[in-house]
PDB file of N, CA and C in Angstrom:
ATOM      1  N   SER A   1      -3.871  30.369  29.416  1.00  0.00           N
ATOM      2  CA  SER A   1      -3.895  30.424  30.864  1.00  0.00           C
ATOM      3  C   SER A   1      -4.960  32.070  31.390  1.00  0.00           C
ATOM      4  N   PRO A   2      -5.398  32.225  32.322  1.00  0.00           N
ATOM      5  CA  PRO A   2      -6.184  33.223  32.663  1.00  0.00           C
ATOM      6  C   PRO A   2      -5.021  34.510  32.643  1.00  0.00           C
ATOM      7  N   TYR A   3      -4.237  34.411  32.893  1.00  0.00           N
ATOM      8  CA  TYR A   3      -2.753  35.216  33.087  1.00  0.00           C
ATOM      9  C   TYR A   3      -2.707  35.671  31.530  1.00  0.00           C
ATOM     10  N   GLU A   4      -2.716  34.806  30.857  1.00  0.00           N
ATOM     11  CA  GLU A   4      -2.237  35.410  29.307  1.00  0.00           C
ATOM     12  C   GLU A   4      -3.393  36.139  28.709  1.00  0.00           C
ATOM     13  N   LEU A   5      -4.823  35.670  29.043  1.00  0.00           N
ATOM     14  CA  LEU A   5      -5.824  36.575  28.444  1.00  0.00           C
ATOM     15  C   LEU A   5      -5.848  38.068  29.028  1.00  0.00           C
ATOM     16  N   ASP A   6      -5.601  37.748  30.404  1.00  0.00           N
ATOM     17  CA  ASP A   6      -5.495  39.180  30.971  1.00  0.00           C
ATOM     18  C   ASP A   6      -4.548  40.256  30.419  1.00  0.00           C
ATOM     19  N   PHE A   7      -3.334  39.494  29.961  1.00  0.00           N
ATOM     20  CA  PHE A   7      -2.274  40.251  29.508  1.00  0.00           C
ATOM     21  C   PHE A   7      -2.541  40.815  28.051  1.00  0.00           C
ATOM     22  N   ALA A   8      -3.378  39.881  27.309  1.00  0.00           N
ATOM     23  CA  ALA A   8      -3.610  40.051  26.034  1.00  0.00           C
ATOM     24  C   ALA A   8      -4.659  41.141  26.068  1.00  0.00           C
ATOM     25  N   HIS A   9      -5.510  41.399  26.857  1.00  0.00           N
ATOM     26  CA  HIS A   9      -6.417  42.513  27.099  1.00  0.00           C
ATOM     27  C   HIS A   9      -5.584  43.988  27.494  1.00  0.00           C
ATOM     28  N   GLN A  10      -4.574  43.728  28.235  1.00  0.00           N
ATOM     29  CA  GLN A  10      -3.717  44.868  28.645  1.00  0.00           C
ATOM     30  C   GLN A  10      -3.235  45.490  27.348  1.00  0.00           C
ATOM     31  N   LEU A  11      -2.257  44.512  26.599  1.00  0.00           N
ATOM     32  CA  LEU A  11      -1.882  44.875  25.237  1.00  0.00           C
ATOM     33  C   LEU A  11      -3.004  45.619  24.385  1.00  0.00           C
ATOM     34  N   LYS A  12      -3.922  45.129  24.286  1.00  0.00           N
ATOM     35  CA  LYS A  12      -4.961  45.677  23.315  1.00  0.00           C
ATOM     36  C   LYS A  12      -5.435  46.979  23.979  1.00  0.00           C
ATOM     37  N   ALA A  13      -5.548  47.044  25.136  1.00  0.00           N
ATOM     38  CA  ALA A  13      -5.902  48.439  25.774  1.00  0.00           C
ATOM     39  C   ALA A  13      -4.943  49.497  25.610  1.00  0.00           C
ATOM     40  N   PHE A  14      -3.664  49.042  25.495  1.00  0.00           N
ATOM     41  CA  PHE A  14      -2.435  49.840  25.208  1.00  0.00           C
ATOM     42  C   PHE A  14      -2.276  50.273  23.854  1.00  0.00           C
ATOM     43  N   GLY A  15      -3.211  49.272  22.904  1.00  0.00           N
ATOM     44  CA  GLY A  15      -3.106  49.602  21.619  1.00  0.00           C
ATOM     45  C   GLY A  15      -1.759  49.167  20.763  1.00  0.00           C
ATOM     46  N   LEU A  16      -1.309  47.987  21.576  1.00  0.00           N
ATOM     47  CA  LEU A  16      -0.163  47.259  20.571  1.00  0.00           C
ATOM     48  C   LEU A  16      -0.604  45.889  20.123  1.00  0.00           C
ATOM     49  N   GLU A  17       0.021  45.700  18.679  1.00  0.00           N
ATOM     50  CA  GLU A  17      -0.257  44.772  17.814  1.00  0.00           C
ATOM     51  C   GLU A  17       0.542  43.335  18.543  1.00  0.00           C
ATOM     52  N   PHE A  18      -0.103  42.350  18.410  1.00  0.00           N
ATOM     53  CA  PHE A  18       0.681  41.128  18.967  1.00  0.00           C
ATOM     54  C   PHE A  18       0.278  39.736  18.307  1.00  0.00           C
ATOM     55  N   LYS A  19       0.979  38.958  18.239  1.00  0.00           N
ATOM     56  CA  LYS A  19       0.779  37.393  17.879  1.00  0.00           C
ATOM     57  C   LYS A  19       1.247  36.635  19.202  1.00  0.00           C
ATOM     58  N   PRO A  20       0.174  35.850  19.591  1.00  0.00           N
ATOM     59  CA  PRO A  20       0.002  34.916  20.618  1.00  0.00           C
ATOM     60  C   PRO A  20       0.493  33.691  20.154  1.00  0.00           C
ATOM     61  N   GLN A  21       1.313  32.826  20.859  1.00  0.00           N
ATOM     62  CA  GLN A  21       1.626  31.476  20.931  1.00  0.00           C
ATOM     63  C   GLN A  21       2.452  31.397  19.330  1.00  0.00           C
ATOM     64  N   PHE A  22       3.441  32.490  19.729  1.00  0.00           N
ATOM     65  CA  PHE A  22       4.567  32.747  18.600  1.00  0.00           C
ATOM     66  C   PHE A  22       5.898  32.067  18.664  1.00  0.00           C
ATOM     67  N   SER A  23       6.041  31.384  17.308  1.00  0.00           N
ATOM     68  CA  SER A  23       7.434  30.674  17.265  1.00  0.00           C
ATOM     69  C   SER A  23       8.214  31.118  16.056  1.00  0.00           C
ATOM     70  N   PHE A  24       9.495  31.177  16.162  1.00  0.00           N
ATOM     71  CA  PHE A  24      10.103  31.622  14.886  1.00  0.00           C
ATOM     72  C   PHE A  24      10.132  30.369  13.914  1.00  0.00           C
ATOM     73  N   ASP A  25       9.831  30.499  12.733  1.00  0.00           N
ATOM     74  CA  ASP A  25       9.835  29.708  11.521  1.00  0.00           C
ATOM     75  C   ASP A  25       9.566  28.312  11.872  1.00  0.00           C
ATOM     76  N   GLY A  26       8.393  28.096  12.698  1.00  0.00           N
ATOM     77  CA  GLY A  26       8.051  26.851  12.975  1.00  0.00           C
ATOM     78  C   GLY A  26       8.947  26.178  14.131  1.00  0.00           C
ATOM     79  N   ASP A  27       9.635  26.881  14.424  1.00  0.00           N
ATOM     80  CA  ASP A  27      10.662  26.226  15.764  1.00  0.00           C
ATOM     81  C   ASP A  27       9.783  25.388  16.757  1.00  0.00           C
ATOM     82  N   ARG A  28       9.842  24.524  17.346  1.00  0.00           N
ATOM     83  CA  ARG A  28       9.336  24.187  18.686  1.00  0.00           C
ATOM     84  C   ARG A  28       9.114  24.763  19.813  1.00  0.00           C
ATOM     85  N   HIS A  29       9.925  25.895  19.964  1.00  0.00           N
ATOM     86  CA  HIS A  29       9.924  26.683  21.283  1.00  0.00           C
ATOM     87  C   HIS A  29       8.826  27.662  20.688  1.00  0.00           C
ATOM     88  N   ARG A  30       7.496  27.831  21.839  1.00  0.00           N
ATOM     89  CA  ARG A  30       6.656  28.905  21.566  1.00  0.00           C
ATOM     90  C   ARG A  30       6.634  29.801  22.636  1.00  0.00           C
ATOM     91  N   TYR A  31       6.400  30.792  22.197  1.00  0.00           N
ATOM     92  CA  TYR A  31       6.528  32.294  23.234  1.00  0.00           C
ATOM     93  C   TYR A  31       4.978  32.600  23.397  1.00  0.00           C
ATOM     94  N   ASP A  32       4.787  32.856  24.464  1.00  0.00           N
ATOM     95  CA  ASP A  32       3.255  33.422  24.782  1.00  0.00           C
ATOM     96  C   ASP A  32       2.676  34.423  23.819  1.00  0.00           C
ATOM     97  N   PHE A  33       3.781  35.162  23.635  1.00  0.00           N
ATOM     98  CA  PHE A  33       3.285  36.685  22.914  1.00  0.00           C
ATOM     99  C   PHE A  33       4.700  37.104  22.057  1.00  0.00           C
ATOM    100  N   TYR A  34       4.380  37.593  20.811  1.00  0.00           N
ATOM    101  CA  TYR A  34       5.390  38.413  20.324  1.00  0.00           C
ATOM    102  C   TYR A  34       4.521  39.927  20.022  1.00  0.00           C
ATOM    103  N   ILE A  35       5.267  40.685  20.541  1.00  0.00           N
ATOM    104  CA  ILE A  35       4.738  42.408  20.246  1.00  0.00           C
ATOM    105  C   ILE A  35       5.463  42.815  19.073  1.00  0.00           C
ATOM    106  N   PHE A  36       4.804  43.345  18.028  1.00  0.00           N
ATOM    107  CA  PHE A  36       5.533  43.720  16.785  1.00  0.00           C
ATOM    108  C   PHE A  36       5.919  44.914  16.969  1.00  0.00           C
ATOM    109  N   GLU A  37       5.639  46.093  17.435  1.00  0.00           N
ATOM    110  CA  GLU A  37       6.324  47.417  17.647  1.00  0.00           C
ATOM    111  C   GLU A  37       7.537  47.369  18.499  1.00  0.00           C
ATOM    112  N   LEU A  38       7.744  46.410  19.258  1.00  0.00           N
ATOM    113  CA  LEU A  38       8.894  46.159  20.038  1.00  0.00           C
ATOM    114  C   LEU A  38       9.904  45.073  19.956  1.00  0.00           C
ATOM    115  N   LYS A  39       9.689  44.452  18.794  1.00  0.00           N
ATOM    116  CA  LYS A  39      10.418  43.049  18.400  1.00  0.00           C
ATOM    117  C   LYS A  39      10.777  42.524  19.585  1.00  0.00           C
ATOM    118  N   ALA A  40       9.787  42.147  20.298  1.00  0.00           N
ATOM    119  CA  ALA A  40      10.057  41.466  21.605  1.00  0.00           C
ATOM    120  C   ALA A  40       8.944  40.201  21.628  1.00  0.00           C
ATOM    121  N   VAL A  41       9.458  38.969  22.326  1.00  0.00           N
ATOM    122  CA  VAL A  41       8.830  37.947  22.991  1.00  0.00           C
ATOM    123  C   VAL A  41       8.520  38.210  24.178  1.00  0.00           C
ATOM    124  N   VAL A  42       7.306  37.586  24.757  1.00  0.00           N
ATOM    125  CA  VAL A  42       7.021  37.635  26.357  1.00  0.00           C
ATOM    126  C   VAL A  42       6.642  36.259  26.703  1.00  0.00           C
ATOM    127  N   GLU A  43       6.919  35.965  27.658  1.00  0.00           N
ATOM    128  CA  GLU A  43       6.589  34.780  28.470  1.00  0.00           C
ATOM    129  C   GLU A  43       6.032  34.989  29.672  1.00  0.00           C
ATOM    130  N   ILE A  44       4.971  34.444  30.448  1.00  0.00           N
ATOM    131  CA  ILE A  44       4.450  34.483  31.295  1.00  0.00           C
ATOM    132  C   ILE A  44       4.396  32.934  32.127  1.00  0.00           C
ATOM    133  N   ASN A  45       5.144  33.161  32.930  1.00  0.00           N
ATOM    134  CA  ASN A  45       5.529  31.648  33.727  1.00  0.00           C
ATOM    135  C   ASN A  45       4.847  31.603  35.087  1.00  0.00           C
ATOM    136  N   GLY A  46       3.806  30.922  35.086  1.00  0.00           N
ATOM    137  CA  GLY A  46       3.126  30.293  36.012  1.00  0.00           C
ATOM    138  C   GLY A  46       3.928  29.248  36.894  1.00  0.00           C
ATOM    139  N   GLY A  47       3.007  29.020  37.975  1.00  0.00           N
ATOM    140  CA  GLY A  47       3.898  28.051  38.716  1.00  0.00           C
ATOM    141  C   GLY A  47       5.299  28.536  39.301  1.00  0.00           C
ATOM    142  N   VAL A  48       5.713  29.818  39.702  1.00  0.00           N
ATOM    143  CA  VAL A  48       7.025  30.069  40.058  1.00  0.00           C
ATOM    144  C   VAL A  48       6.893  29.801  41.666  1.00  0.00           C
ATOM    145  N   TRP A  49       5.706  29.538  42.338  1.00  0.00           N
ATOM    146  CA  TRP A  49       6.103  29.572  43.673  1.00  0.00           C
ATOM    147  C   TRP A  49       6.021  28.154  44.217  1.00  0.00           C
ATOM    148  N   VAL A  50       5.748  27.246  43.355  1.00  0.00           N
ATOM    149  CA  VAL A  50       5.754  25.756  43.476  1.00  0.00           C
ATOM    150  C   VAL A  50       6.443  24.925  42.383  1.00  0.00           C
ATOM    151  N   LYS A  51       6.844  23.579  42.964  1.00  0.00           N
ATOM    152  CA  LYS A  51       7.591  22.939  42.073  1.00  0.00           C
ATOM    153  C   LYS A  51       6.915  22.733  40.609  1.00  0.00           C
ATOM    154  N   SER A  52       7.552  23.331  39.717  1.00  0.00           N
ATOM    155  CA  SER A  52       6.667  22.990  38.434  1.00  0.00           C
ATOM    156  C   SER A  52       7.560  23.024  37.109  1.00  0.00           C
ATOM    157  N   GLY A  53       7.296  22.963  35.953  1.00  0.00           N
ATOM    158  CA  GLY A  53       8.244  22.860  34.820  1.00  0.00           C
ATOM    159  C   GLY A  53       9.231  24.063  34.581  1.00  0.00           C
ATOM    160  N   HIS A  54       8.823  25.181  35.232  1.00  0.00           N
ATOM    161  CA  HIS A  54       9.676  26.277  35.331  1.00  0.00           C
ATOM    162  C   HIS A  54      10.757  26.352  36.023  1.00  0.00           C
ATOM    163  N   SER A  55      10.633  25.582  37.333  1.00  0.00           N
ATOM    164  CA  SER A  55      11.435  25.706  38.473  1.00  0.00           C
ATOM    165  C   SER A  55      12.170  24.228  38.501  1.00  0.00           C
ATOM    166  N   SER A  56      12.025  23.510  37.585  1.00  0.00           N
ATOM    167  CA  SER A  56      13.205  22.207  37.531  1.00  0.00           C
ATOM    168  C   SER A  56      14.170  22.514  36.766  1.00  0.00           C
ATOM    169  N   GLY A  57      15.120  21.943  36.908  1.00  0.00           N
ATOM    170  CA  GLY A  57      16.474  21.939  35.980  1.00  0.00           C
ATOM    171  C   GLY A  57      16.021  21.700  34.723  1.00  0.00           C
ATOM    172  N   THR A  58      15.389  20.778  34.384  1.00  0.00           N
ATOM    173  CA  THR A  58      14.765  20.805  32.667  1.00  0.00           C
ATOM    174  C   THR A  58      14.231  22.081  32.160  1.00  0.00           C
ATOM    175  N   GLY A  59      13.250  22.562  32.880  1.00  0.00           N
ATOM    176  CA  GLY A  59      12.269  23.667  32.529  1.00  0.00           C
ATOM    177  C   GLY A  59      13.269  24.739  32.482  1.00  0.00           C
ATOM    178  N   ILE A  60      13.893  25.070  33.560  1.00  0.00           N
ATOM    179  CA  ILE A  60      15.002  26.289  33.606  1.00  0.00           C
ATOM    180  C   ILE A  60      15.845  26.253  32.164  1.00  0.00           C
ATOM    181  N   THR A  61      16.584  24.905  31.903  1.00  0.00           N
ATOM    182  CA  THR A  61      17.139  25.012  30.939  1.00  0.00           C
ATOM    183  C   THR A  61      16.521  25.273  29.523  1.00  0.00           C
ATOM    184  N   ARG A  62      15.231  24.648  29.198  1.00  0.00           N
ATOM    185  CA  ARG A  62      14.269  24.954  28.325  1.00  0.00           C
ATOM    186  C   ARG A  62      13.939  26.484  28.040  1.00  0.00           C
ATOM    187  N   ASP A  63      13.863  27.243  29.180  1.00  0.00           N
ATOM    188  CA  ASP A  63      13.409  28.431  29.145  1.00  0.00           C
ATOM    189  C   ASP A  63      14.650  29.420  28.645  1.00  0.00           C
ATOM    190  N   TYR A  64      15.854  28.858  29.361  1.00  0.00           N
ATOM    191  CA  TYR A  64      17.126  29.551  28.573  1.00  0.00           C
ATOM    192  C   TYR A  64      17.266  29.396  27.510  1.00  0.00           C
ATOM    193  N   ARG A  65      17.182  28.284  26.758  1.00  0.00           N
ATOM    194  CA  ARG A  65      17.234  27.977  25.451  1.00  0.00           C
ATOM    195  C   ARG A  65      16.359  29.103  24.458  1.00  0.00           C
ATOM    196  N   LYS A  66      14.882  29.115  25.061  1.00  0.00           N
ATOM    197  CA  LYS A  66      13.958  29.959  24.559  1.00  0.00           C
ATOM    198  C   LYS A  66      14.500  31.408  24.305  1.00  0.00           C
ATOM    199  N   ILE A  67      15.027  31.766  25.468  1.00  0.00           N
ATOM    200  CA  ILE A  67      15.593  33.164  25.737  1.00  0.00           C
ATOM    201  C   ILE A  67      16.949  33.421  24.600  1.00  0.00           C
ATOM    202  N   ASN A  68      17.571  32.400  24.696  1.00  0.00           N
ATOM    203  CA  ASN A  68      18.457  32.542  23.955  1.00  0.00           C
ATOM    204  C   ASN A  68      18.613  32.586  22.502  1.00  0.00           C
ATOM    205  N   LEU A  69      17.434  31.708  22.154  1.00  0.00           N
ATOM    206  CA  LEU A  69      17.132  31.685  20.370  1.00  0.00           C
ATOM    207  C   LEU A  69      16.533  33.084  20.148  1.00  0.00           C
ATOM    208  N   ALA A  70      15.885  33.550  21.052  1.00  0.00           N
ATOM    209  CA  ALA A  70      15.086  35.069  20.574  1.00  0.00           C
ATOM    210  C   ALA A  70      16.366  36.086  20.344  1.00  0.00           C
ATOM    211  N   SER A  71      17.152  36.051  21.522  1.00  0.00           N
ATOM    212  CA  SER A  71      18.532  36.764  21.344  1.00  0.00           C
ATOM    213  C   SER A  71      19.106  36.811  19.709  1.00  0.00           C
ATOM    214  N   THR A  72      19.081  35.460  19.369  1.00  0.00           N
ATOM    215  CA  THR A  72      19.889  34.953  18.278  1.00  0.00           C
ATOM    216  C   THR A  72      19.069  35.799  17.066  1.00  0.00           C
ATOM    217  N   TYR A  73      17.902  36.108  17.339  1.00  0.00           N
ATOM    218  CA  TYR A  73      17.138  36.783  16.041  1.00  0.00           C
ATOM    219  C   TYR A  73      17.108  38.266  16.318  1.00  0.00           C
ATOM    220  N   GLY A  74      17.731  38.673  17.284  1.00  0.00           N
ATOM    221  CA  GLY A  74      17.793  40.113  17.778  1.00  0.00           C
ATOM    222  C   GLY A  74      16.387  40.619  18.533  1.00  0.00           C
ATOM    223  N   VAL A  75      15.662  39.702  19.239  1.00  0.00           N
ATOM    224  CA  VAL A  75      14.721  40.179  19.591  1.00  0.00           C
ATOM    225  C   VAL A  75      14.806  40.127  21.176  1.00  0.00           C
ATOM    226  N   ARG A  76      14.122  41.122  21.809  1.00  0.00           N
ATOM    227  CA  ARG A  76      13.928  41.589  23.120  1.00  0.00           C
ATOM    228  C   ARG A  76      13.102  40.350  23.674  1.00  0.00           C
ATOM    229  N   THR A  77      13.420  39.954  24.906  1.00  0.00           N
ATOM    230  CA  THR A  77      12.460  39.123  25.778  1.00  0.00           C
ATOM    231  C   THR A  77      12.071  39.491  26.822  1.00  0.00           C
ATOM    232  N   PHE A  78      10.852  39.542  27.236  1.00  0.00           N
ATOM    233  CA  PHE A  78      10.469  39.650  28.787  1.00  0.00           C
ATOM    234  C   PHE A  78       9.885  38.510  29.588  1.00  0.00           C
ATOM    235  N   CYS A  79       9.824  38.293  30.681  1.00  0.00           N
ATOM    236  CA  CYS A  79       9.577  37.180  31.370  1.00  0.00           C
ATOM    237  C   CYS A  79       9.031  37.813  32.712  1.00  0.00           C
ATOM    238  N   PHE A  80       7.606  37.174  32.907  1.00  0.00           N
ATOM    239  CA  PHE A  80       6.863  38.069  33.850  1.00  0.00           C
ATOM    240  C   PHE A  80       6.081  36.735  34.443  1.00  0.00           C
ATOM    241  N   THR A  81       5.538  36.524  35.775  1.00  0.00           N
ATOM    242  CA  THR A  81       4.964  36.001  36.761  1.00  0.00           C
ATOM    243  C   THR A  81       3.537  36.502  36.753  1.00  0.00           C
ATOM    244  N   PRO A  82       2.425  35.455  37.083  1.00  0.00           N
ATOM    245  CA  PRO A  82       1.063  35.805  36.934  1.00  0.00           C
ATOM    246  C   PRO A  82       1.003  37.137  38.027  1.00  0.00           C
ATOM    247  N   ASP A  83       1.614  37.339  38.967  1.00  0.00           N
ATOM    248  CA  ASP A  83       1.269  38.379  39.954  1.00  0.00           C
ATOM    249  C   ASP A  83       2.075  39.587  39.213  1.00  0.00           C
ATOM    250  N   MET A  84       2.814  39.551  38.391  1.00  0.00           N
ATOM    251  CA  MET A  84       3.386  40.890  37.870  1.00  0.00           C
ATOM    252  C   MET A  84       2.417  41.193  36.789  1.00  0.00           C
ATOM    253  N   VAL A  85       1.421  40.393  36.049  1.00  0.00           N
ATOM    254  CA  VAL A  85       0.456  40.672  35.127  1.00  0.00           C
ATOM    255  C   VAL A  85      -0.644  41.433  35.940  1.00  0.00           C
ATOM    256  N   THR A  86      -1.017  40.677  36.980  1.00  0.00           N
ATOM    257  CA  THR A  86      -2.317  40.965  37.665  1.00  0.00           C
ATOM    258  C   THR A  86      -1.776  42.374  38.182  1.00  0.00           C
ATOM    259  N   ASP A  87      -0.798  42.735  38.722  1.00  0.00           N
ATOM    260  CA  ASP A  87      -0.399  44.137  39.278  1.00  0.00           C
ATOM    261  C   ASP A  87      -0.270  45.279  38.528  1.00  0.00           C
ATOM    262  N   GLY A  88      -0.094  44.992  37.314  1.00  0.00           N
ATOM    263  CA  GLY A  88       0.124  45.885  36.372  1.00  0.00           C
ATOM    264  C   GLY A  88       1.512  45.976  36.055  1.00  0.00           C
ATOM    265  N   GLU A  89       2.392  45.543  36.642  1.00  0.00           N
ATOM    266  CA  GLU A  89       4.070  45.570  36.484  1.00  0.00           C
ATOM    267  C   GLU A  89       4.267  45.209  35.199  1.00  0.00           C
ATOM    268  N   ALA A  90       3.946  44.167  34.447  1.00  0.00           N
ATOM    269  CA  ALA A  90       4.103  43.666  33.299  1.00  0.00           C
ATOM    270  C   ALA A  90       3.586  44.374  32.013  1.00  0.00           C
ATOM    271  N   ILE A  91       2.678  45.219  31.958  1.00  0.00           N
ATOM    272  CA  ILE A  91       2.505  46.025  30.825  1.00  0.00           C
ATOM    273  C   ILE A  91       2.994  47.440  31.475  1.00  0.00           C
ATOM    274  N   GLU A  92       3.324  47.824  32.585  1.00  0.00           N
ATOM    275  CA  GLU A  92       4.073  48.974  32.865  1.00  0.00           C
ATOM    276  C   GLU A  92       5.634  48.746  32.381  1.00  0.00           C
ATOM    277  N   THR A  93       5.949  47.624  32.130  1.00  0.00           N
ATOM    278  CA  THR A  93       7.400  47.168  31.819  1.00  0.00           C
ATOM    279  C   THR A  93       7.674  47.378  30.145  1.00  0.00           C
ATOM    280  N   VAL A  94       6.303  47.015  29.659  1.00  0.00           N
ATOM    281  CA  VAL A  94       6.559  47.226  28.151  1.00  0.00           C
ATOM    282  C   VAL A  94       5.992  48.473  27.788  1.00  0.00           C
ATOM    283  N   ARG A  95       5.389  49.032  28.545  1.00  0.00           N
ATOM    284  CA  ARG A  95       5.054  50.582  28.211  1.00  0.00           C
ATOM    285  C   ARG A  95       6.392  51.468  28.425  1.00  0.00           C
ATOM    286  N   LYS A  96       7.091  50.904  29.325  1.00  0.00           N
ATOM    287  CA  LYS A  96       8.620  51.902  29.664  1.00  0.00           C
ATOM    288  C   LYS A  96       9.528  51.628  28.304  1.00  0.00           C
ATOM    289  N   ALA A  97       9.909  50.083  27.949  1.00  0.00           N
ATOM    290  CA  ALA A  97      10.431  50.096  26.986  1.00  0.00           C
ATOM    291  C   ALA A  97       9.997  50.311  25.570  1.00  0.00           C
ATOM    292  N   LEU A  98       8.495  50.540  25.380  1.00  0.00           N
ATOM    293  CA  LEU A  98       8.303  51.338  23.960  1.00  0.00           C
ATOM    294  C   LEU A  98       8.855  52.848  24.297  1.00  0.00           C
ATOM    295  N   ALA A  99       8.559  53.357  25.406  1.00  0.00           N
ATOM    296  CA  ALA A  99       8.885  54.817  25.368  1.00  0.00           C
ATOM    297  C   ALA A  99      10.476  54.901  25.300  1.00  0.00           C
ATOM    298  N   TRP A 100      11.162  54.187  25.950  1.00  0.00           N
ATOM    299  CA  TRP A 100      12.578  54.344  25.970  1.00  0.00           C
ATOM    300  C   TRP A 100      12.900  54.296  24.361  1.00  0.00           C
ATOM    301  N   GLN A 101      12.372  52.973  23.743  1.00  0.00           N
ATOM    302  CA  GLN A 101      12.516  52.751  22.222  1.00  0.00           C
ATOM    303  C   GLN A 101      12.258  54.033  21.311  1.00  0.00           C
ATOM    304  N   ASN A 102      10.954  54.626  21.500  1.00  0.00           N
ATOM    305  CA  ASN A 102      10.675  55.668  20.737  1.00  0.00           C
ATOM    306  C   ASN A 102      11.571  57.032  21.017  1.00  0.00           C
ATOM    307  N   LYS A 103      11.977  57.062  22.307  1.00  0.00           N
ATOM    308  CA  LYS A 103      12.783  58.371  22.599  1.00  0.00           C
ATOM    309  C   LYS A 103      14.284  58.401  22.048  1.00  0.00           C
ATOM    310  N   TYR A 104      14.979  57.069  21.946  1.00  0.00           N
ATOM    311  CA  TYR A 104      16.056  56.705  21.303  1.00  0.00           C
ATOM    312  C   TYR A 104      16.127  56.186  19.851  1.00  0.00           C
ATOM    313  N   LYS A 105      14.809  56.292  19.047  1.00  0.00           N
ATOM    314  CA  LYS A 105      15.121  55.706  17.844  1.00  0.00           C
ATOM    315  C   LYS A 105      15.820  56.552  17.162  1.00  0.00           C
ATOM    316  N   GLY A 106      16.910  55.865  16.290  1.00  0.00           N
ATOM    317  CA  GLY A 106      17.807  56.646  15.190  1.00  0.00           C
ATOM    318  C   GLY A 106      19.086  57.164  16.150  1.00  0.00           C
ATOM    319  N   LEU A 107      19.299  56.880  17.533  1.00  0.00           N
ATOM    320  CA  LEU A 107      20.270  57.198  18.236  1.00  0.00           C
ATOM    321  C   LEU A 107      21.607  56.486  17.821  1.00  0.00           C
ATOM    322  N   THR A 108      22.867  57.595  17.556  1.00  0.00           N
ATOM    323  CA  THR A 108      24.112  56.940  17.110  1.00  0.00           C
ATOM    324  C   THR A 108      24.968  57.198  18.146  1.00  0.00           C
ATOM    325  N   LYS A 109      26.236  56.609  18.142  1.00  0.00           N
ATOM    326  CA  LYS A 109      27.273  56.713  19.155  1.00  0.00           C
ATOM    327  C   LYS A 109      27.615  58.197  19.133  1.00  0.00           C
ATOM    328  N   ASP A 110      27.492  58.932  17.956  1.00  0.00           N
ATOM    329  CA  ASP A 110      27.619  60.229  18.076  1.00  0.00           C
ATOM    330  C   ASP A 110      26.688  61.339  18.674  1.00  0.00           C
ATOM    331  N   GLY A 111      25.448  60.894  19.286  1.00  0.00           N
ATOM    332  CA  GLY A 111      24.581  61.466  19.793  1.00  0.00           C
ATOM    333  C   GLY A 111      23.293  61.874  18.899  1.00  0.00           C
TER     334      GLY A 111
END
């Protein structure tokens, strides 16, 4: 989609390596992106304001399964709408997650 292309350009401009159309070990679930440095998958869900695959019961169940699958592998999941990509909120969220990760890398319960 044009939003996925836009987000890919944003990731490149930010200097992050990613893999588009990522799946875990050939699993049938595909994620729009995998961001290596964050160990995160990204989904850009179009059609959120109209009846679509993402807003039906079947689509919501499928999306939850994808999110849960990523969690079982210890991978973060980010879900964005097209508007969040075009207004910069999506890349800003990724930037904040990266900043937090770098700030608290190696953090233990003892400080």
